[in-house]
Amino acid sequence: MRNRSEAMLRQLGIAAAVAAAMFAVLAGAASAAEPLKIGFGMALTGGLAGTGKAALLATKWAEEVNSRGGVLGRDVELVYYDDQSNPSTVPGIYAKLLEVDKVDLVASGYATNMIAPAMPIMMERGLVFIGLFGLAINDQFGYDRYFAIVPGGDDPRLIYSAGFFNVAMTMEPKPATAAIVGADAEYAQIATDGARENARKRGLSIVYDRKYPPATVDFVPIVRAIQATNPDIVYIASYPPDTVGMVRAVNEVALKPRMLGGGMIGLQYAAIKQQLGSLLNGIISFDVYVPEPTMRFPGIEEFLRNYQSRARAEGTDQLGFYTPPYAYARMQVLAQAIEATKSLDQKKLAEHLHEATFKTLVGTVKFGPTGEQAVPRILFVQYQGIASSDLEQFNQPGKQVIVSPPAFVSGKFLYPYAYLKR
C-alpha cells in the first residue's frame, strides 16, 4: 500500500511538474504575444495640429510593420495623447504614458517647443528619446540618449539658417543689411540666435532685431517697423499662425527687401500653401523635402502616394511633404535598432543608435556625437510661379525650387523678392 501511495505521489509530482512547465511555456508565449507599446504626445489640436496630425498618420507605420510580423515577433501598439500644441501639457502626458500605460518605449511629439519639456523626464529615467523636428535640443541638455530626426547636422543652431545667408550672398550687388524677427518662444529664439551669428559672419549689419509675443495676431506694426529700417534681407522665425499673419502683413505693407523668409514654419503645410497661394512667390524658407528631381530617395514616392490617398479621409495635410516622411523614418530607425540589438534595453539601444547607420525613405541616417544627424541637409526652397490655390501644382517640380544646399539645388535663385511677389 505504501509503495502504491509513493508511486501515486511520484506520478502526481511528475504531472504537476509537466503542468507547471506547460504553464510556463504558455505564459511565455502570452508574454511574447503582448504588444510592443510605443508612447508619445502629438499636436492634434492647436497651432501645430496641421503637421501633428500628418506625423501621426505616418507613424501608423505600425499597421504596415504589424502586417509583416511586427518587431521581434510582437505587434506594435501606438499609445498617444493630444498635447494641444501646448508645452505645459507635455510632462503630464509622459508621466501617464510611463506610469499608467506602462509603455515600452517613448518618442517625442512634433517640434522644439514640445520636445524640450519632456527632456527632464527622459533624463531622469534614462530613456532613449527620438525627437521629431527639434532644433538644437541637446545644446541645452547634453543627453546621450537623445536622437534627432531632422537633418540639422552637429551644429543645428547655425546650420538651420546658414543656407539662407549663403544664398543671400550670391546676389549682386551683395546685400549689406539684415532684419531678424521671431516669436518669443524657444524654437524662434534658437533660430534667430543662429541667424544673428550667421549674418554677422558674412559681414551684414543687423538693422532690426526684435521678438514678438507668441499670441500676436496683428503683424502690420512689426512689418512697418522693419520697413522703416530698409533692410536688404529679412529673416523670420515663426510658427504656423504667425507665419500666415506675417506673410499677409508683408504684402499689405508692401515690404520690399531683396530677399525674405528663413525659418517660417507653416509654409510647408498643404493648407497654408493653399491659403496663401501666389503670396508665396519669391519667399525662401527652410524645408526638408519637396518633390524636386534631386530628392528622389528610394521608397519616398510610393510612401507619399499611399499617404496622400489616405490624407483626405484622415483629415490631415494632403501633401505630406514635411513631417510624414521623417515621422515614418523615425519608426524605421527605432525598429532597426530593436531588431539589431534584439532588445528593449535603453542602454543597448542608445549605444546602437550612436554606432549604426540606418536606411530610411529619407535617405541614410547616421547620428553624430550629440544625437543630431551627422550630415546636415536643411533645404532652402524658393516658391516660384505659384499661380493659384490649386494644391496639385505643389506635387509638380519647379514650384518649390531648391536653392540650397548645392548637392540638392534644382533650379535658379530668383531675386529681388520685391519684384517676384507682384
Protein backbone atom coordinates (compact mmCIF):
# COMPACT_ATOMS: atom_id res chain seq x y z
CA MET A 1 0.00 0.00 0.00
CA ARG A 2 2.82 2.29 0.96
CA ASN A 3 4.62 1.55 -2.34
CA ARG A 4 1.43 2.27 -4.29
CA SER A 5 0.98 5.60 -2.42
CA GLU A 6 4.56 6.58 -3.09
CA ALA A 7 4.15 5.73 -6.77
CA MET A 8 0.98 7.80 -6.97
CA LEU A 9 2.74 10.73 -5.29
CA ARG A 10 5.62 10.44 -7.73
CA GLN A 11 3.16 10.41 -10.66
CA LEU A 12 1.32 13.39 -9.23
CA GLY A 13 4.64 15.20 -8.80
CA ILE A 14 5.61 14.47 -12.40
CA ALA A 15 2.18 15.60 -13.61
CA ALA A 16 2.46 18.80 -11.57
CA ALA A 17 5.92 19.46 -12.96
CA VAL A 18 4.70 18.89 -16.51
CA ALA A 19 1.71 21.16 -15.89
CA ALA A 20 3.98 23.81 -14.43
CA ALA A 21 6.31 23.57 -17.41
CA MET A 22 3.38 23.81 -19.83
CA PHE A 23 2.03 26.82 -17.92
CA ALA A 24 5.42 28.48 -18.11
CA VAL A 25 5.57 27.88 -21.86
CA LEU A 26 2.06 29.22 -22.34
CA ALA A 27 2.77 32.18 -20.09
CA GLY A 28 5.93 32.88 -22.05
CA ALA A 29 4.03 32.67 -25.31
CA ALA A 30 1.37 35.01 -23.96
CA SER A 31 4.06 37.42 -22.82
CA ALA A 32 5.77 37.27 -26.21
CA ALA A 33 2.42 37.98 -27.85
CA GLU A 34 1.87 41.15 -25.82
CA PRO A 35 2.16 44.25 -28.00
CA LEU A 36 5.24 46.42 -28.00
CA LYS A 37 3.89 49.75 -26.78
CA ILE A 38 5.36 52.99 -28.10
CA GLY A 39 4.05 56.12 -26.39
CA PHE A 40 4.13 59.77 -27.38
CA GLY A 41 2.32 63.09 -27.29
CA MET A 42 1.34 64.77 -30.55
CA ALA A 43 -0.24 68.08 -31.54
CA LEU A 44 -3.70 67.08 -32.73
CA THR A 45 -5.29 70.42 -31.85
CA GLY A 46 -3.89 73.95 -31.60
CA GLY A 47 -1.43 75.80 -33.81
CA LEU A 48 0.78 72.78 -34.58
CA ALA A 49 -2.05 70.37 -35.38
CA GLY A 50 -1.64 70.81 -39.13
CA THR A 51 1.60 68.89 -39.06
CA GLY A 52 0.96 66.89 -35.88
CA LYS A 53 -1.94 65.02 -37.49
CA ALA A 54 0.16 64.36 -40.57
CA ALA A 55 3.00 62.99 -38.43
CA LEU A 56 0.54 60.74 -36.63
CA LEU A 57 -0.80 59.30 -39.89
CA ALA A 58 2.76 58.49 -40.97
CA THR A 59 3.50 56.96 -37.57
CA LYS A 60 0.72 54.50 -38.28
CA TRP A 61 3.67 52.75 -39.87
CA ALA A 62 2.75 50.32 -37.11
CA GLU A 63 -0.03 48.90 -39.34
CA GLU A 64 2.50 48.12 -42.05
CA VAL A 65 5.12 46.59 -39.75
CA ASN A 66 2.47 44.50 -38.00
CA SER A 67 1.36 43.07 -41.34
CA ARG A 68 4.93 41.79 -41.71
CA GLY A 69 5.05 40.16 -38.27
CA GLY A 70 5.78 43.12 -36.02
CA VAL A 71 9.07 43.85 -34.27
CA LEU A 72 10.80 40.95 -32.53
CA GLY A 73 7.65 38.98 -33.25
CA ARG A 74 5.45 41.45 -31.34
CA ASP A 75 2.79 43.68 -32.83
CA VAL A 76 3.43 47.39 -32.30
CA GLU A 77 0.78 49.37 -30.43
CA LEU A 78 0.84 53.17 -30.53
CA VAL A 79 -0.32 54.92 -27.36
CA TYR A 80 -0.65 58.68 -27.81
CA TYR A 81 -2.35 61.77 -26.42
CA ASP A 82 -3.06 65.24 -27.80
CA ASP A 83 -0.57 67.75 -26.41
CA GLN A 84 -2.79 70.55 -27.77
CA SER A 85 0.30 72.35 -29.14
CA ASN A 86 0.84 73.43 -25.54
CA PRO A 87 4.20 72.73 -23.86
CA SER A 88 2.62 72.73 -20.38
CA THR A 89 0.72 69.51 -21.19
CA VAL A 90 3.84 67.54 -22.10
CA PRO A 91 5.21 66.45 -18.68
CA GLY A 92 1.81 65.08 -17.63
CA ILE A 93 1.41 63.14 -20.86
CA TYR A 94 4.74 61.35 -20.47
CA ALA A 95 4.14 60.66 -16.79
CA LYS A 96 0.86 58.95 -17.73
CA LEU A 97 2.44 57.01 -20.59
CA LEU A 98 5.15 55.65 -18.31
CA GLU A 99 3.30 55.16 -15.06
CA VAL A 100 -0.24 54.25 -16.16
CA ASP A 101 0.04 52.92 -19.70
CA LYS A 102 3.39 51.22 -18.98
CA VAL A 103 4.71 51.81 -22.49
CA ASP A 104 7.91 50.01 -23.54
CA LEU A 105 9.38 52.94 -25.47
CA VAL A 106 8.69 56.64 -25.90
CA ALA A 107 9.06 59.06 -28.78
CA SER A 108 8.59 62.81 -28.93
CA GLY A 109 5.78 64.96 -30.20
CA TYR A 110 6.41 67.41 -33.02
CA ALA A 111 8.67 70.45 -32.70
CA THR A 112 11.16 72.04 -30.37
CA ASN A 113 8.62 73.59 -28.01
CA MET A 114 7.04 70.17 -27.35
CA ILE A 115 10.27 68.17 -27.11
CA ALA A 116 12.13 70.34 -24.60
CA PRO A 117 9.58 69.96 -21.74
CA ALA A 118 9.83 66.16 -21.97
CA MET A 119 13.61 66.02 -21.74
CA PRO A 120 13.95 66.18 -17.93
CA ILE A 121 11.68 63.10 -17.60
CA MET A 122 13.69 61.19 -20.19
CA MET A 123 16.96 62.05 -18.47
CA GLU A 124 15.69 61.15 -15.02
CA ARG A 125 14.59 57.71 -16.23
CA GLY A 126 17.45 57.07 -18.63
CA LEU A 127 15.17 56.62 -21.64
CA VAL A 128 16.05 56.68 -25.31
CA PHE A 129 14.19 59.62 -26.83
CA ILE A 130 13.98 60.23 -30.57
CA GLY A 131 12.86 63.77 -31.25
CA LEU A 132 10.82 64.78 -34.29
CA PHE A 133 11.99 68.15 -35.67
CA GLY A 134 13.59 69.59 -32.56
CA LEU A 135 16.05 72.42 -33.16
CA ALA A 136 19.35 72.13 -31.23
CA ILE A 137 17.65 70.45 -28.26
CA ASN A 138 20.86 68.87 -26.99
CA ASP A 139 22.72 72.18 -26.93
CA GLN A 140 20.76 72.76 -23.73
CA PHE A 141 20.55 69.25 -22.26
CA GLY A 142 23.61 67.31 -23.46
CA TYR A 143 21.77 63.99 -23.05
CA ASP A 144 23.49 60.99 -24.61
CA ARG A 145 20.26 59.07 -25.22
CA TYR A 146 18.57 61.79 -27.26
CA PHE A 147 18.50 61.48 -31.06
CA ALA A 148 17.12 63.96 -33.58
CA ILE A 149 15.08 63.12 -36.65
CA VAL A 150 15.74 66.28 -38.61
CA PRO A 151 18.78 66.68 -40.86
CA GLY A 152 20.33 69.58 -38.95
CA GLY A 153 23.91 68.34 -38.57
CA ASP A 154 26.07 68.53 -35.45
CA ASP A 155 25.68 72.31 -35.17
CA PRO A 156 21.99 72.78 -36.00
CA ARG A 157 21.71 76.21 -34.41
CA LEU A 158 23.92 77.60 -37.20
CA ILE A 159 23.14 75.11 -39.98
CA TYR A 160 19.44 75.90 -39.70
CA SER A 161 19.91 79.35 -41.23
CA ALA A 162 23.36 79.07 -42.88
CA GLY A 163 21.93 78.12 -46.28
CA PHE A 164 19.62 81.14 -46.26
CA PHE A 165 22.52 83.54 -45.77
CA ASN A 166 24.76 81.64 -48.19
CA VAL A 167 22.14 82.10 -50.90
CA ALA A 168 21.75 85.78 -49.95
CA MET A 169 25.45 86.41 -50.52
CA THR A 170 25.16 85.25 -54.15
CA MET A 171 23.10 88.35 -55.01
CA GLU A 172 24.76 91.16 -56.97
CA PRO A 173 25.38 93.63 -55.57
CA LYS A 174 25.92 91.76 -52.31
CA PRO A 175 23.50 92.60 -49.51
CA ALA A 176 24.69 94.86 -46.69
CA THR A 177 21.88 94.87 -44.12
CA ALA A 178 19.55 92.37 -42.46
CA ALA A 179 16.45 92.39 -40.29
CA ILE A 180 15.84 89.49 -37.90
CA VAL A 181 12.49 88.85 -36.22
CA GLY A 182 10.96 85.91 -34.37
CA ALA A 183 8.46 84.87 -31.73
CA ASP A 184 9.42 84.99 -28.08
CA ALA A 185 9.40 81.18 -27.84
CA GLU A 186 12.06 78.51 -27.67
CA TYR A 187 12.17 77.50 -31.35
CA ALA A 188 12.22 81.04 -32.70
CA GLN A 189 14.82 82.24 -30.24
CA ILE A 190 17.21 79.40 -31.11
CA ALA A 191 16.64 80.04 -34.82
CA THR A 192 17.15 83.81 -34.59
CA ASP A 193 20.23 83.35 -32.40
CA GLY A 194 21.82 81.26 -35.17
CA ALA A 195 20.64 83.71 -37.85
CA ARG A 196 22.21 86.61 -35.96
CA GLU A 197 25.57 84.84 -35.85
CA ASN A 198 25.37 83.78 -39.49
CA ALA A 199 24.55 87.33 -40.58
CA ARG A 200 27.48 88.82 -38.69
CA LYS A 201 29.90 86.19 -40.01
CA ARG A 202 29.02 87.33 -43.52
CA GLY A 203 29.59 90.98 -42.72
CA LEU A 204 25.93 92.01 -42.68
CA SER A 205 24.81 94.88 -40.50
CA ILE A 206 21.70 93.97 -38.46
CA VAL A 207 19.38 96.97 -38.62
CA TYR A 208 16.35 95.37 -36.96
CA ASP A 209 16.44 92.61 -34.32
CA ARG A 210 13.26 92.09 -32.30
CA LYS A 211 10.99 89.38 -30.89
CA TYR A 212 7.22 89.46 -30.57
CA PRO A 213 4.80 87.76 -28.11
CA PRO A 214 3.61 84.31 -29.29
CA ALA A 215 0.00 85.45 -29.02
CA THR A 216 0.48 88.28 -31.54
CA VAL A 217 -2.26 88.45 -34.17
CA ASP A 218 -1.58 91.82 -35.84
CA PHE A 219 1.78 91.80 -37.62
CA VAL A 220 1.35 95.03 -39.57
CA PRO A 221 3.06 97.20 -36.91
CA ILE A 222 6.02 94.79 -36.83
CA VAL A 223 6.38 94.83 -40.61
CA ARG A 224 6.11 98.63 -40.70
CA ALA A 225 8.93 98.82 -38.14
CA ILE A 226 11.05 96.53 -40.32
CA GLN A 227 10.21 98.61 -43.40
CA ALA A 228 11.47 101.74 -41.66
CA THR A 229 14.97 100.20 -41.46
CA ASN A 230 15.01 99.35 -45.21
CA PRO A 231 16.89 96.01 -44.90
CA ASP A 232 18.25 94.06 -47.86
CA ILE A 233 17.35 90.73 -46.21
CA VAL A 234 14.56 89.81 -43.79
CA TYR A 235 14.94 86.62 -41.74
CA ILE A 236 11.76 85.45 -39.98
CA ALA A 237 11.46 82.62 -37.44
CA SER A 238 7.77 81.86 -36.87
CA TYR A 239 5.27 79.12 -36.07
CA PRO A 240 2.29 78.48 -38.41
CA PRO A 241 -0.28 81.02 -37.17
CA ASP A 242 2.21 83.89 -37.14
CA THR A 243 3.77 82.75 -40.42
CA VAL A 244 0.44 83.35 -42.15
CA GLY A 245 0.00 86.66 -40.35
CA MET A 246 3.49 87.77 -41.27
CA VAL A 247 3.14 86.92 -44.98
CA ARG A 248 -0.16 88.78 -45.19
CA ALA A 249 1.29 91.80 -43.38
CA VAL A 250 4.34 91.85 -45.66
CA ASN A 251 2.03 92.07 -48.67
CA GLU A 252 -0.30 94.59 -47.07
CA VAL A 253 2.55 96.93 -46.18
CA ALA A 254 4.35 96.22 -49.49
CA LEU A 255 7.66 95.46 -47.79
CA LYS A 256 10.40 95.49 -50.44
CA PRO A 257 13.55 93.68 -49.31
CA ARG A 258 15.71 91.86 -51.83
CA MET A 259 15.19 88.53 -50.04
CA LEU A 260 12.70 87.37 -47.39
CA GLY A 261 11.94 84.17 -45.47
CA GLY A 262 14.25 81.92 -43.45
CA GLY A 263 12.71 79.92 -40.64
CA MET A 264 8.99 80.16 -41.37
CA ILE A 265 7.26 77.03 -40.12
CA GLY A 266 3.90 76.55 -41.79
CA LEU A 267 4.83 77.25 -45.38
CA GLN A 268 5.45 73.50 -45.63
CA TYR A 269 1.78 72.69 -44.84
CA ALA A 270 -0.70 71.97 -47.61
CA ALA A 271 -3.44 74.08 -46.00
CA ILE A 272 -1.18 77.12 -45.69
CA LYS A 273 0.21 76.72 -49.20
CA GLN A 274 -3.38 76.65 -50.43
CA GLN A 275 -4.40 79.58 -48.26
CA LEU A 276 -1.54 81.87 -49.29
CA GLY A 277 -1.35 80.86 -52.97
CA SER A 278 0.54 83.43 -55.05
CA LEU A 279 1.55 85.38 -51.93
CA LEU A 280 4.23 82.70 -51.53
CA ASN A 281 6.09 83.76 -54.66
CA GLY A 282 9.70 84.77 -54.02
CA ILE A 283 9.79 83.64 -50.38
CA ILE A 284 12.78 81.47 -49.47
CA SER A 285 12.40 79.35 -46.37
CA PHE A 286 13.73 76.14 -44.90
CA ASP A 287 12.26 72.76 -45.75
CA VAL A 288 13.21 69.09 -45.56
CA TYR A 289 11.54 67.54 -48.58
CA VAL A 290 9.92 68.82 -51.78
CA PRO A 291 9.17 66.80 -54.93
CA GLU A 292 12.15 68.06 -56.93
CA PRO A 293 14.23 65.70 -59.13
CA THR A 294 17.18 65.91 -56.71
CA MET A 295 15.16 64.38 -53.83
CA ARG A 296 14.10 61.00 -55.23
CA PHE A 297 15.12 58.71 -52.39
CA PRO A 298 14.18 55.02 -52.70
CA GLY A 299 10.65 54.44 -51.42
CA ILE A 300 9.64 58.03 -50.76
CA GLU A 301 7.43 58.48 -53.83
CA GLU A 302 5.49 55.29 -53.08
CA PHE A 303 5.16 56.37 -49.45
CA LEU A 304 3.73 59.75 -50.49
CA ARG A 305 1.27 58.16 -52.91
CA ASN A 306 -0.02 55.93 -50.11
CA TYR A 307 -0.06 58.80 -47.63
CA GLN A 308 -1.92 61.16 -49.95
CA SER A 309 -4.53 58.51 -50.75
CA ARG A 310 -5.43 58.39 -47.05
CA ALA A 311 -4.89 62.00 -46.08
CA ARG A 312 -8.26 63.44 -47.06
CA ALA A 313 -10.23 60.76 -45.20
CA GLU A 314 -7.98 61.14 -42.15
CA GLY A 315 -8.29 64.95 -42.18
CA THR A 316 -4.54 65.52 -42.41
CA ASP A 317 -2.15 67.53 -44.57
CA GLN A 318 -2.99 66.49 -48.14
CA LEU A 319 0.58 66.74 -49.48
CA GLY A 320 2.55 65.19 -46.63
CA PHE A 321 5.96 66.55 -47.62
CA TYR A 322 7.06 67.93 -44.25
CA THR A 323 6.86 65.70 -41.18
CA PRO A 324 5.32 62.49 -42.61
CA PRO A 325 8.44 61.07 -44.31
CA TYR A 326 10.52 61.82 -41.24
CA ALA A 327 7.91 60.51 -38.81
CA TYR A 328 7.93 57.26 -40.79
CA ALA A 329 11.75 57.23 -40.95
CA ARG A 330 11.87 57.64 -37.17
CA MET A 331 9.95 54.41 -36.74
CA GLN A 332 12.20 52.70 -39.27
CA VAL A 333 15.26 53.73 -37.25
CA LEU A 334 13.74 52.58 -33.97
CA ALA A 335 12.65 49.22 -35.39
CA GLN A 336 16.06 48.59 -36.96
CA ALA A 337 17.76 49.33 -33.63
CA ILE A 338 15.45 46.96 -31.75
CA GLU A 339 15.90 44.18 -34.28
CA ALA A 340 19.68 44.61 -34.36
CA THR A 341 20.07 44.53 -30.56
CA LYS A 342 17.17 42.08 -30.07
CA SER A 343 16.42 44.14 -27.00
CA LEU A 344 14.40 46.95 -25.48
CA ASP A 345 17.22 47.74 -23.06
CA GLN A 346 17.67 51.51 -23.17
CA LYS A 347 21.44 51.42 -22.79
CA LYS A 348 21.90 48.88 -25.61
CA LEU A 349 19.54 50.78 -27.88
CA ALA A 350 21.33 54.09 -27.26
CA GLU A 351 24.73 52.56 -27.96
CA HIS A 352 23.50 51.05 -31.22
CA LEU A 353 21.82 54.28 -32.30
CA HIS A 354 25.13 56.10 -31.84
CA GLU A 355 27.11 53.48 -33.76
CA ALA A 356 24.92 52.29 -36.62
CA THR A 357 23.86 53.68 -40.00
CA PHE A 358 20.17 53.34 -40.86
CA LYS A 359 18.47 53.06 -44.24
CA THR A 360 15.23 55.02 -44.41
CA LEU A 361 12.95 56.54 -47.01
CA VAL A 362 14.55 59.95 -46.39
CA GLY A 363 17.97 58.52 -47.18
CA THR A 364 20.76 57.28 -44.94
CA VAL A 365 20.57 58.36 -41.30
CA LYS A 366 23.69 58.47 -39.12
CA PHE A 367 23.70 60.18 -35.75
CA GLY A 368 26.64 62.26 -34.57
CA PRO A 369 28.03 62.54 -31.02
CA THR A 370 25.27 64.88 -29.80
CA GLY A 371 22.47 62.77 -31.28
CA GLU A 372 21.93 65.16 -34.17
CA GLN A 373 22.15 63.76 -37.68
CA ALA A 374 25.80 63.83 -38.65
CA VAL A 375 25.31 65.09 -42.21
CA PRO A 376 23.26 68.31 -42.46
CA ARG A 377 20.63 68.56 -45.18
CA ILE A 378 18.40 71.50 -44.35
CA LEU A 379 16.91 72.68 -47.64
CA PHE A 380 16.13 76.24 -48.60
CA VAL A 381 13.27 76.38 -51.05
CA GLN A 382 12.07 79.32 -53.13
CA TYR A 383 8.44 79.48 -54.22
CA GLN A 384 8.28 80.30 -57.91
CA GLY A 385 5.38 80.65 -60.34
CA ILE A 386 2.61 79.92 -57.84
CA ALA A 387 -0.50 81.00 -59.72
CA SER A 388 -3.46 79.88 -57.64
CA SER A 389 -4.56 77.91 -54.61
CA ASP A 390 -4.61 74.61 -56.51
CA LEU A 391 -2.79 72.02 -54.37
CA GLU A 392 -1.84 69.81 -57.31
CA GLN A 393 0.71 72.36 -58.53
CA PHE A 394 2.79 71.65 -55.42
CA ASN A 395 3.13 67.99 -56.42
CA GLN A 396 4.96 69.14 -59.54
CA PRO A 397 8.64 70.10 -59.79
CA GLY A 398 9.59 73.71 -60.40
CA LYS A 399 7.21 75.33 -57.92
CA GLN A 400 9.29 74.80 -54.78
CA VAL A 401 12.78 75.19 -56.18
CA ILE A 402 15.69 74.07 -54.01
CA VAL A 403 18.35 76.80 -53.93
CA SER A 404 20.48 75.32 -51.11
CA PRO A 405 22.45 73.17 -50.30
CA PRO A 406 24.44 72.77 -53.53
CA ALA A 407 24.07 68.96 -53.63
CA PHE A 408 20.28 69.28 -53.96
CA VAL A 409 19.88 72.53 -55.93
CA SER A 410 17.13 72.04 -58.50
CA GLY A 411 16.79 75.48 -60.09
CA LYS A 412 17.87 79.10 -60.23
CA PHE A 413 17.56 81.51 -57.30
CA LEU A 414 15.48 84.50 -58.41
CA TYR A 415 15.66 87.97 -56.85
CA PRO A 416 14.78 90.58 -55.76
CA TYR A 417 11.81 89.49 -53.69
CA ALA A 418 10.08 92.87 -54.09
CA TYR A 419 9.75 92.22 -57.83
CA LEU A 420 8.89 88.50 -57.64
CA LYS A 421 5.98 88.86 -55.25
CA ARG A 422 3.93 91.05 -57.59
